[in-house]
Protein backbone atom coordinates (compact mmCIF):
# COMPACT_ATOMS: atom_id res chain seq x y z
CA MET A 1 -0.10 0.04 0.09
CA PRO A 2 1.36 3.48 -0.86
CA ASP A 3 2.51 5.59 2.18
CA PHE A 4 0.24 8.06 3.90
CA GLU A 5 1.19 11.28 1.86
CA ALA A 6 0.79 9.29 -1.43
CA LEU A 7 -2.76 8.13 -0.33
CA ARG A 8 -3.73 11.53 0.82
CA ARG A 9 -2.58 13.04 -2.62
CA ASP A 10 -4.57 10.43 -4.44
CA TYR A 11 -7.66 11.12 -2.26
CA VAL A 12 -7.33 15.00 -2.97
CA ARG A 13 -7.10 14.11 -6.64
CA LEU A 14 -10.12 11.89 -6.44
CA LEU A 15 -12.25 14.62 -4.72
CA ILE A 16 -11.32 17.25 -7.48
CA ARG A 17 -11.18 15.08 -10.55
CA GLU A 18 -14.11 12.78 -9.70
CA GLY A 19 -15.97 14.07 -6.80
CA VAL A 20 -16.80 17.46 -8.28
CA ARG A 21 -15.07 16.67 -11.58
CA LEU A 22 -13.82 20.28 -11.89
CA GLN A 23 -13.78 21.63 -15.59
CA PRO A 24 -11.38 24.32 -16.82
CA GLY A 25 -12.65 27.85 -16.14
CA GLN A 26 -14.90 26.70 -13.40
CA ARG A 27 -14.96 28.32 -9.79
CA LEU A 28 -14.74 25.94 -6.95
CA VAL A 29 -16.22 26.73 -3.41
CA LEU A 30 -14.12 24.72 -1.03
CA SER A 31 -15.90 24.63 2.61
CA ALA A 32 -13.38 23.24 5.43
CA ALA A 33 -12.74 23.83 9.01
CA VAL A 34 -9.84 26.14 9.86
CA ASP A 35 -7.78 23.10 11.44
CA GLN A 36 -7.93 21.60 8.04
CA ALA A 37 -6.09 24.09 6.16
CA ASP A 38 -3.54 21.88 5.17
CA ILE A 39 -5.65 19.47 3.07
CA ALA A 40 -7.67 22.48 1.94
CA ARG A 41 -4.64 24.02 0.46
CA ALA A 42 -3.74 20.60 -1.23
CA CYS A 43 -7.48 20.57 -2.61
CA ALA A 44 -7.04 24.21 -3.85
CA GLU A 45 -3.67 23.30 -5.48
CA GLU A 46 -5.20 20.30 -7.35
CA ALA A 47 -8.10 22.54 -8.45
CA TYR A 48 -5.82 25.09 -10.06
CA ASN A 49 -3.81 22.25 -11.68
CA ALA A 50 -7.31 21.16 -13.05
CA GLY A 51 -7.67 24.73 -14.64
CA CYS A 52 -9.97 26.21 -11.94
CA ARG A 53 -10.92 29.78 -12.41
CA GLU A 54 -10.78 30.78 -8.73
CA VAL A 55 -10.96 28.82 -5.39
CA ILE A 56 -13.33 30.48 -2.93
CA MET A 57 -12.91 29.59 0.51
CA ASN A 58 -15.68 29.00 2.97
CA TRP A 59 -13.98 28.55 6.31
CA SER A 60 -15.69 27.23 9.61
CA ASP A 61 -14.59 26.57 13.24
CA ASP A 62 -16.27 24.22 15.64
CA ALA A 63 -15.30 26.34 18.58
CA LEU A 64 -16.80 29.48 17.30
CA THR A 65 -19.76 27.73 15.99
CA ARG A 66 -20.41 26.43 19.55
CA MET A 67 -19.72 29.60 21.28
CA ARG A 68 -22.03 31.45 18.85
CA PHE A 69 -24.95 28.90 19.79
CA LEU A 70 -24.32 29.31 23.43
CA ARG A 71 -23.44 33.09 23.96
CA ALA A 72 -24.90 35.00 20.89
CA GLU A 73 -27.98 37.26 21.53
CA SER A 74 -31.44 35.05 20.78
CA ASP A 75 -32.65 37.05 17.91
CA VAL A 76 -29.71 36.48 15.69
CA PHE A 77 -30.64 32.90 15.22
CA ASP A 78 -33.87 34.10 13.33
CA THR A 79 -31.84 35.84 10.70
CA CYS A 80 -29.20 34.84 8.08
CA ALA A 81 -26.33 37.32 7.03
CA PRO A 82 -27.07 38.67 3.68
CA TRP A 83 -23.52 37.83 2.43
CA ARG A 84 -24.21 34.15 2.95
CA SER A 85 -27.44 34.17 0.78
CA LEU A 86 -25.57 36.03 -1.77
CA LEU A 87 -22.47 33.72 -1.78
CA TYR A 88 -24.67 30.41 -1.72
CA ASN A 89 -27.23 31.19 -4.21
CA SER A 90 -25.36 33.16 -6.66
CA LEU A 91 -22.34 30.81 -6.98
CA ALA A 92 -24.86 27.88 -7.34
CA GLU A 93 -26.58 29.72 -10.24
CA GLU A 94 -23.52 30.38 -11.91
CA GLY A 95 -22.77 26.56 -11.74
CA ALA A 96 -19.75 26.62 -9.44
CA ALA A 97 -18.45 23.21 -8.04
CA TRP A 98 -18.94 22.82 -4.47
CA LEU A 99 -16.55 20.90 -2.36
CA PHE A 100 -17.37 20.19 1.47
CA LEU A 101 -14.72 18.78 3.68
CA ASP A 102 -16.62 17.35 6.56
CA SER A 103 -14.58 17.12 9.94
CA ASP A 104 -17.22 18.50 12.41
CA ASP A 105 -17.27 17.05 15.90
CA PRO A 106 -20.48 15.08 16.07
CA GLU A 107 -21.18 16.31 19.51
CA ASN A 108 -19.98 19.99 19.03
CA LEU A 109 -23.71 21.34 19.85
CA LYS A 110 -24.27 18.92 22.79
CA GLY A 111 -26.03 21.00 25.65
CA VAL A 112 -27.09 23.88 23.15
CA ASP A 113 -30.93 25.10 23.23
CA PRO A 114 -32.54 22.88 20.69
CA ASP A 115 -34.89 25.76 19.73
CA ARG A 116 -31.87 27.98 18.95
CA ILE A 117 -30.59 25.07 16.46
CA ARG A 118 -34.06 24.89 14.74
CA ARG A 119 -34.56 28.68 14.36
CA SER A 120 -31.11 28.89 12.79
CA GLN A 121 -31.91 25.92 10.48
CA VAL A 122 -35.15 27.58 9.43
CA ALA A 123 -33.45 31.04 8.86
CA SER A 124 -30.65 29.44 6.73
CA GLY A 125 -33.00 27.33 4.97
CA LYS A 126 -34.93 30.34 3.86
CA ALA A 127 -31.83 32.28 2.96
CA VAL A 128 -30.07 29.67 0.67
CA LYS A 129 -33.25 28.21 -0.82
CA THR A 130 -32.13 28.81 -4.38
CA PHE A 131 -28.82 26.90 -3.42
CA ARG A 132 -30.78 24.06 -1.80
CA MET A 133 -32.94 23.58 -4.84
CA LEU A 134 -30.24 23.65 -7.37
CA GLU A 135 -28.28 21.29 -5.18
CA THR A 136 -31.17 18.66 -4.90
CA SER A 137 -31.83 18.89 -8.77
CA ASN A 138 -28.22 18.48 -9.65
CA GLY A 139 -28.07 22.26 -10.86
CA PHE A 140 -24.26 22.39 -10.00
CA PRO A 141 -21.48 19.57 -9.20
CA TRP A 142 -21.00 18.93 -5.55
CA CYS A 143 -19.25 16.61 -3.32
CA ILE A 144 -19.22 15.91 0.36
CA ALA A 145 -15.95 14.10 1.65
CA ALA A 146 -14.51 13.68 5.06
CA VAL A 147 -11.31 14.52 6.96
CA PRO A 148 -10.64 13.40 10.31
CA SER A 149 -10.54 15.74 13.31
CA PRO A 150 -9.21 14.82 16.64
CA ALA A 151 -12.59 15.12 18.34
CA TRP A 152 -14.50 12.85 15.79
CA ALA A 153 -11.60 10.41 15.71
CA ARG A 154 -11.76 10.11 19.61
CA LEU A 155 -15.43 9.55 19.41
CA VAL A 156 -15.06 6.78 16.80
CA PHE A 157 -12.09 5.21 18.38
CA PRO A 158 -12.24 5.84 22.10
CA ASP A 159 -9.65 3.32 23.04
CA LEU A 160 -6.97 4.82 21.02
CA GLU A 161 -4.99 7.80 21.88
CA GLU A 162 -5.55 10.80 19.60
CA THR A 163 -2.74 10.71 17.18
CA ALA A 164 -3.30 6.72 16.58
CA ALA A 165 -7.25 7.43 16.26
CA VAL A 166 -6.79 10.13 13.73
CA ALA A 167 -4.47 7.79 11.66
CA ARG A 168 -6.93 5.06 12.07
CA LEU A 169 -9.86 7.35 10.90
CA TRP A 170 -7.63 8.22 7.84
CA GLU A 171 -7.24 4.53 7.15
CA GLU A 172 -11.02 4.02 7.12
CA ILE A 173 -11.65 6.81 5.14
CA PHE A 174 -9.16 5.65 2.36
CA LYS A 175 -10.53 2.34 2.46
CA ALA A 176 -14.20 3.56 1.97
CA ALA A 177 -13.27 5.88 -0.72
CA ARG A 178 -11.45 2.90 -2.70
CA CYS A 179 -8.19 5.02 -2.26
CA THR A 180 -5.75 2.29 -1.28
CA ARG A 181 -3.75 1.51 -4.52
CA GLY A 182 -2.57 4.72 -5.86
CA GLN A 183 -5.32 4.55 -8.57
CA ALA A 184 -8.33 6.02 -6.75
CA VAL A 185 -10.08 7.79 -9.82
CA ALA A 186 -10.11 4.58 -11.87
CA ASP A 187 -11.21 2.51 -8.75
CA TRP A 188 -14.01 4.90 -8.22
CA ARG A 189 -15.19 4.97 -11.68
CA ALA A 190 -15.30 1.12 -11.76
CA HIS A 191 -17.48 1.36 -8.28
CA SER A 192 -19.69 3.87 -9.80
CA ASP A 193 -20.48 1.59 -12.86
CA THR A 194 -21.28 -1.22 -10.41
CA LEU A 195 -23.91 0.93 -8.56
CA GLN A 196 -25.38 1.95 -12.03
CA LYS A 197 -26.11 -1.51 -12.92
CA ARG A 198 -27.88 -2.03 -9.68
CA VAL A 199 -29.94 1.10 -10.68
CA ALA A 200 -30.77 -0.26 -13.97
CA ILE A 201 -32.43 -3.36 -12.47
CA LEU A 202 -34.61 -1.47 -9.94
CA ASN A 203 -35.65 0.88 -12.78
CA GLU A 204 -36.63 -1.92 -14.97
CA TYR A 205 -38.89 -3.48 -12.11
CA ASN A 206 -40.34 0.05 -11.90
CA PHE A 207 -42.01 -0.92 -8.20
CA LYS A 208 -45.19 0.65 -6.96
CA SER A 209 -44.12 0.10 -3.57
CA LEU A 210 -41.86 -1.50 -1.06
CA HIS A 211 -42.34 -3.21 2.23
CA TYR A 212 -39.63 -3.38 5.04
CA GLN A 213 -39.64 -5.67 7.86
CA ASN A 214 -37.05 -6.67 10.59
CA ALA A 215 -36.64 -7.84 14.04
CA LEU A 216 -36.02 -4.16 15.32
CA GLY A 217 -39.75 -3.39 14.94
CA THR A 218 -39.64 -1.86 11.36
CA ASP A 219 -42.63 -2.60 9.46
CA LEU A 220 -43.32 -0.05 6.81
CA THR A 221 -44.78 0.13 3.56
CA VAL A 222 -43.44 2.71 1.20
CA GLU A 223 -45.26 3.67 -2.11
CA LEU A 224 -43.26 5.38 -4.91
CA PRO A 225 -44.44 8.02 -7.15
CA GLU A 226 -45.39 7.39 -11.02
CA GLY A 227 -42.59 8.30 -12.92
CA HIS A 228 -39.82 7.63 -10.22
CA PHE A 229 -36.44 6.31 -11.07
CA TRP A 230 -33.75 5.25 -9.08
CA ALA A 231 -30.13 6.93 -8.99
CA GLY A 232 -26.78 6.04 -7.50
CA GLY A 233 -23.15 6.35 -8.38
CA ALA A 234 -22.00 9.16 -10.70
CA GLU A 235 -24.78 11.79 -11.25
CA LYS A 236 -25.17 14.30 -14.23
CA CYS A 237 -24.95 18.08 -13.61
CA THR A 238 -27.85 19.54 -15.59
CA LYS A 239 -25.85 22.86 -16.11
CA ASN A 240 -23.08 21.42 -18.03
CA GLY A 241 -23.92 17.81 -18.45
CA VAL A 242 -20.59 16.57 -16.66
CA GLU A 243 -21.04 13.66 -14.12
CA PHE A 244 -19.98 14.25 -10.73
CA SER A 245 -20.08 12.08 -7.32
CA ALA A 246 -22.02 13.86 -4.66
CA ASN A 247 -21.00 11.56 -1.69
CA ILE A 248 -17.51 10.02 -1.51
CA PRO A 249 -17.90 7.55 -0.13
CA THR A 250 -21.10 6.03 -1.36
CA GLU A 251 -22.68 2.68 -1.49
CA GLU A 252 -26.23 3.55 -2.09
CA VAL A 253 -29.02 3.52 -4.74
CA PHE A 254 -31.73 5.83 -3.94
CA THR A 255 -35.10 7.15 -5.08
CA LEU A 256 -38.02 9.38 -3.57
CA PRO A 257 -40.97 7.90 -1.79
CA ARG A 258 -44.61 9.25 -2.63
CA ARG A 259 -45.11 12.07 -0.10
CA ASP A 260 -48.33 10.77 1.27
CA GLY A 261 -47.60 7.07 0.73
CA VAL A 262 -45.52 5.96 3.66
CA ASN A 263 -47.28 4.01 6.45
CA GLY A 264 -46.23 1.95 9.38
CA THR A 265 -43.36 2.17 11.84
CA VAL A 266 -39.68 2.26 11.28
CA VAL A 267 -36.90 2.11 13.87
CA ALA A 268 -33.33 3.25 13.27
CA SER A 269 -30.31 0.51 13.49
CA LYS A 270 -27.79 3.06 13.99
CA PRO A 271 -27.27 6.25 16.20
CA LEU A 272 -27.70 9.53 14.17
CA ALA A 273 -25.35 12.52 14.43
CA LEU A 274 -27.70 15.38 14.12
CA ASN A 275 -27.07 19.02 14.39
CA GLY A 276 -23.99 18.61 16.78
CA ASN A 277 -25.81 15.91 18.97
CA ILE A 278 -26.12 12.21 18.87
CA ILE A 279 -29.68 10.63 18.72
CA GLU A 280 -30.25 6.84 19.73
CA GLY A 281 -33.04 4.76 19.73
CA LEU A 282 -34.94 6.62 16.99
CA ARG A 283 -38.56 5.50 16.21
CA PHE A 284 -41.08 6.93 13.67
CA THR A 285 -44.59 5.87 13.09
CA LEU A 286 -45.97 7.45 9.74
CA CYS A 287 -49.76 7.60 8.48
CA GLY A 288 -50.37 9.09 5.07
CA GLY A 289 -46.67 9.95 4.89
CA LYS A 290 -46.57 12.18 7.96
CA ILE A 291 -44.66 11.49 10.98
CA VAL A 292 -47.57 11.06 13.57
CA SER A 293 -45.38 9.92 16.53
CA LEU A 294 -41.64 9.77 17.32
CA SER A 295 -39.38 8.66 20.28
CA ALA A 296 -35.96 8.38 20.98
CA ARG A 297 -33.89 7.02 23.83
CA ARG A 298 -31.31 9.95 23.68
CA GLY A 299 -31.84 13.24 21.92
CA GLU A 300 -35.56 13.09 21.52
CA ASP A 301 -35.84 16.72 21.67
CA ILE A 302 -33.18 17.56 19.12
CA LEU A 303 -35.12 14.93 16.82
CA ARG A 304 -38.50 16.42 17.30
CA ASN A 305 -37.29 19.99 16.55
CA ALA A 306 -35.64 18.61 13.41
CA THR A 307 -38.90 17.16 12.29
CA GLU A 308 -40.68 20.58 12.99
CA VAL A 309 -38.65 23.19 10.99
CA ASP A 310 -41.34 23.23 8.39
CA GLU A 311 -44.21 21.16 7.30
CA GLY A 312 -42.32 19.04 4.83
CA ALA A 313 -39.84 17.85 7.53
CA SER A 314 -42.56 15.60 8.95
CA TYR A 315 -42.44 13.66 5.62
CA PHE A 316 -39.91 11.38 4.14
CA GLY A 317 -37.89 12.52 1.06
CA GLU A 318 -35.66 9.56 0.06
CA VAL A 319 -35.51 5.65 0.05
CA ALA A 320 -31.96 4.28 -0.19
CA LEU A 321 -30.66 0.82 -0.46
CA VAL A 322 -27.38 -0.37 0.74
CA PRO A 323 -26.61 -4.08 1.18
CA TYR A 324 -25.54 -5.13 4.74
CA ASP A 325 -22.61 -7.02 3.23
CA SER A 326 -20.94 -3.75 1.98
CA PRO A 327 -17.28 -2.32 2.70
CA ILE A 328 -18.27 0.24 5.33
CA SER A 329 -20.62 -2.08 7.02
CA ASN A 330 -18.12 -4.98 6.98
CA SER A 331 -15.61 -2.52 8.60
CA GLY A 332 -17.63 -2.71 11.87
CA VAL A 333 -16.94 0.76 12.75
CA LEU A 334 -19.52 3.09 13.86
CA PHE A 335 -18.48 6.55 12.45
CA TYR A 336 -21.08 9.00 14.06
CA SER A 337 -21.14 10.44 10.39
CA THR A 338 -24.08 10.21 8.17
CA LEU A 339 -21.77 10.27 5.19
CA PHE A 340 -20.36 6.96 6.31
CA ASP A 341 -23.21 5.29 8.48
CA GLU A 342 -25.69 5.95 5.77
CA ASN A 343 -23.46 4.04 3.42
CA ALA A 344 -23.29 0.96 5.75
CA SER A 345 -27.12 0.57 5.85
CA CYS A 346 -30.36 1.04 4.07
CA HIS A 347 -31.74 4.27 5.06
CA PHE A 348 -34.49 6.85 4.63
CA ALA A 349 -34.40 10.58 4.90
CA PHE A 350 -37.04 12.84 6.31
CA GLY A 351 -37.36 16.22 4.60
CA ASP A 352 -36.61 17.44 1.11
CA ALA A 353 -36.80 15.02 -1.71
CA TYR A 354 -34.27 14.68 -4.50
CA PRO A 355 -36.73 14.97 -7.66
CA CYS A 356 -36.11 11.53 -8.77
CA ILE A 357 -39.01 11.63 -11.22
CA ARG A 358 -39.41 11.98 -14.81
CA GLY A 359 -40.30 15.30 -16.18
CA ALA A 360 -39.69 17.24 -12.88
CA ASP A 361 -37.03 19.57 -14.38
CA GLY A 362 -38.04 23.18 -14.29
CA MET A 363 -41.12 22.40 -12.08
CA ASP A 364 -42.06 24.66 -9.35
CA GLU A 365 -42.61 23.41 -5.61
CA ASP A 366 -46.47 23.13 -6.06
CA ALA A 367 -46.14 21.20 -9.37
CA LEU A 368 -43.77 18.95 -7.44
CA LEU A 369 -46.12 18.48 -4.41
CA SER A 370 -48.88 17.31 -6.77
CA MET A 371 -46.41 14.61 -8.23
CA GLY A 372 -45.78 13.49 -4.66
CA VAL A 373 -42.46 15.17 -4.38
CA ASN A 374 -41.83 16.39 -0.71
CA GLN A 375 -40.48 19.80 -0.33
CA SER A 376 -38.45 21.02 2.85
CA ILE A 377 -35.52 23.24 3.78
CA THR A 378 -34.00 20.25 5.71
CA HIS A 379 -33.11 16.72 4.70
CA VAL A 380 -32.01 14.17 7.44
CA ASP A 381 -30.77 10.71 6.66
CA PHE A 382 -30.99 8.03 9.05
CA MET A 383 -30.19 4.39 9.11
CA VAL A 384 -32.51 1.27 9.17
CA GLY A 385 -30.60 -1.50 7.78
CA THR A 386 -29.97 -4.84 9.50
CA ALA A 387 -28.63 -8.31 8.95
CA ASP A 388 -32.14 -9.52 8.89
CA LEU A 389 -33.89 -6.75 6.96
CA SER A 390 -36.43 -7.89 4.32
CA ILE A 391 -37.82 -5.68 1.49
CA THR A 392 -40.31 -6.78 -1.04
CA GLY A 393 -41.35 -4.77 -3.81
CA THR A 394 -44.72 -4.97 -5.66
CA THR A 395 -44.91 -4.19 -9.32
CA HIS A 396 -47.76 -2.23 -11.05
CA ASP A 397 -49.09 -5.60 -12.37
CA GLY A 398 -49.16 -7.12 -8.89
CA ARG A 399 -45.92 -9.11 -8.75
CA VAL A 400 -44.18 -9.44 -5.54
CA VAL A 401 -40.66 -9.47 -5.98
CA PRO A 402 -37.84 -10.13 -3.09
CA VAL A 403 -35.60 -7.13 -3.20
CA PHE A 404 -33.69 -7.77 0.05
CA VAL A 405 -33.29 -11.13 1.98
CA ASN A 406 -31.30 -11.02 5.12
CA GLY A 407 -29.96 -7.47 4.78
CA ASN A 408 -28.67 -7.82 1.16
CA PHE A 409 -29.99 -7.62 -2.52
CA ALA A 410 -31.72 -10.56 -3.64
CA PHE A 411 -30.77 -9.89 -7.21
C-alpha cells in the first residue's frame, strides 16, 4: 500500500477530478474547518492544476460555532447574514463546483438549546433556498467528503490515543473511498459503474411499493410515485452535463417515496449524528406519509425539533438501499457520521426529496408536490438496515418480488 502522503494526494485528486469533476474555467467553493487548512490547500492546488478559474474558501470553526450558539443574542438565530445568501445562491446559479470537507465534531452542539438550532436551520434554509433547490436537482456539481478531526476520531476510536485515532480514521476513510492502490479515480469509476448496473435493474422493475420488515420493529410500506427513477453512482449536472459524485464514499442507490404514501413503523438501526448531537433509539410511526409519533432513547428533543422546522420535515424524502454486506458495514466501525453510516445501511431521509421523477426539471414547488415530491428546507438521513432486513417490492401488475433478503440484495 502507498504511504500516507501518497494516499492523501490520491484522495485529493479523487475529490477534485471525480468528486466535483472540476472543469477548466469553473469556480470551486471549498468549505473546510480552519484546522484542516493543510488539506484545503492541497485541494485548492489540485483544483488550479485542473484549470480552476478561482477557489473561494468558506471557512468554519467548531469552537466558534459552539460559542455562538451558547452566547450570541437570541434574535440572531432568526436571521441569516445577507452575504451568506449572496454567496451560496449566486455561485450555485453560476454553476460553480462545491466541495465540502466534513470534519465536524458530532457532539459539538451538545447541551445547546434545541430551539436555537431549529430557528437557525429555518433562517438558513430560507436564505439559501435557491442553493438547496439547485443542489437537490443537480444544478451544479457538488461533493461531500470527510477529513478526520481529533474530536471526531476520539469518538469513533475511544480506546486509542488521539494521534493513533486520527491515523486509524484516515485509514478507514481511504478504504471507504477505494483509495488504497494509488489509482483512486479509476477504482472509483469502476465502483460507480457497478452501482449504476443495480440502478438499471431497479428501474426495470418500476416498483409500485416496497415493504420493509425486521426484528427491530420496522414494519413499513413505502409507495413510490408514478414516474420515479432510481439513481446511484455518478450523477449528471444539469448545467453542463458533466458527471460528478455527490458523496465520497457512497454505496447507495436511491429514489424518493410518494409524499403521502408511507405508512407503518420504522426503527433506526444506528445512532444518528444530528445538529451537533447524537440521537439514539430513533423510532417513527407514519400515517399517510406524515410522522405522527416519534421517540428516541437519547436526543428526542433534538429529533422532534428537526422534524418541525417546516411542514415538509415531517414527511420522508428519500429511500436508499445499501446491502448489509458492503465495505463500510463490514468494517464494523460506527462513524457517527451520516456520510459513512448511511453507506453502511439502508436508510431513509425525512425532509426534502431529490426530484428523482421523470419530467421534474423546471417544475415549481407546487407542481412537484402534486407529483408526490416532498418539499422542505431540511434533509436528514437515518439508518434502518440490519442483517435480517427484508424488503419486498410490488410491481404495477401485482407481482411480489424479493428485493432484500437477510439484509442484502436478492438480485
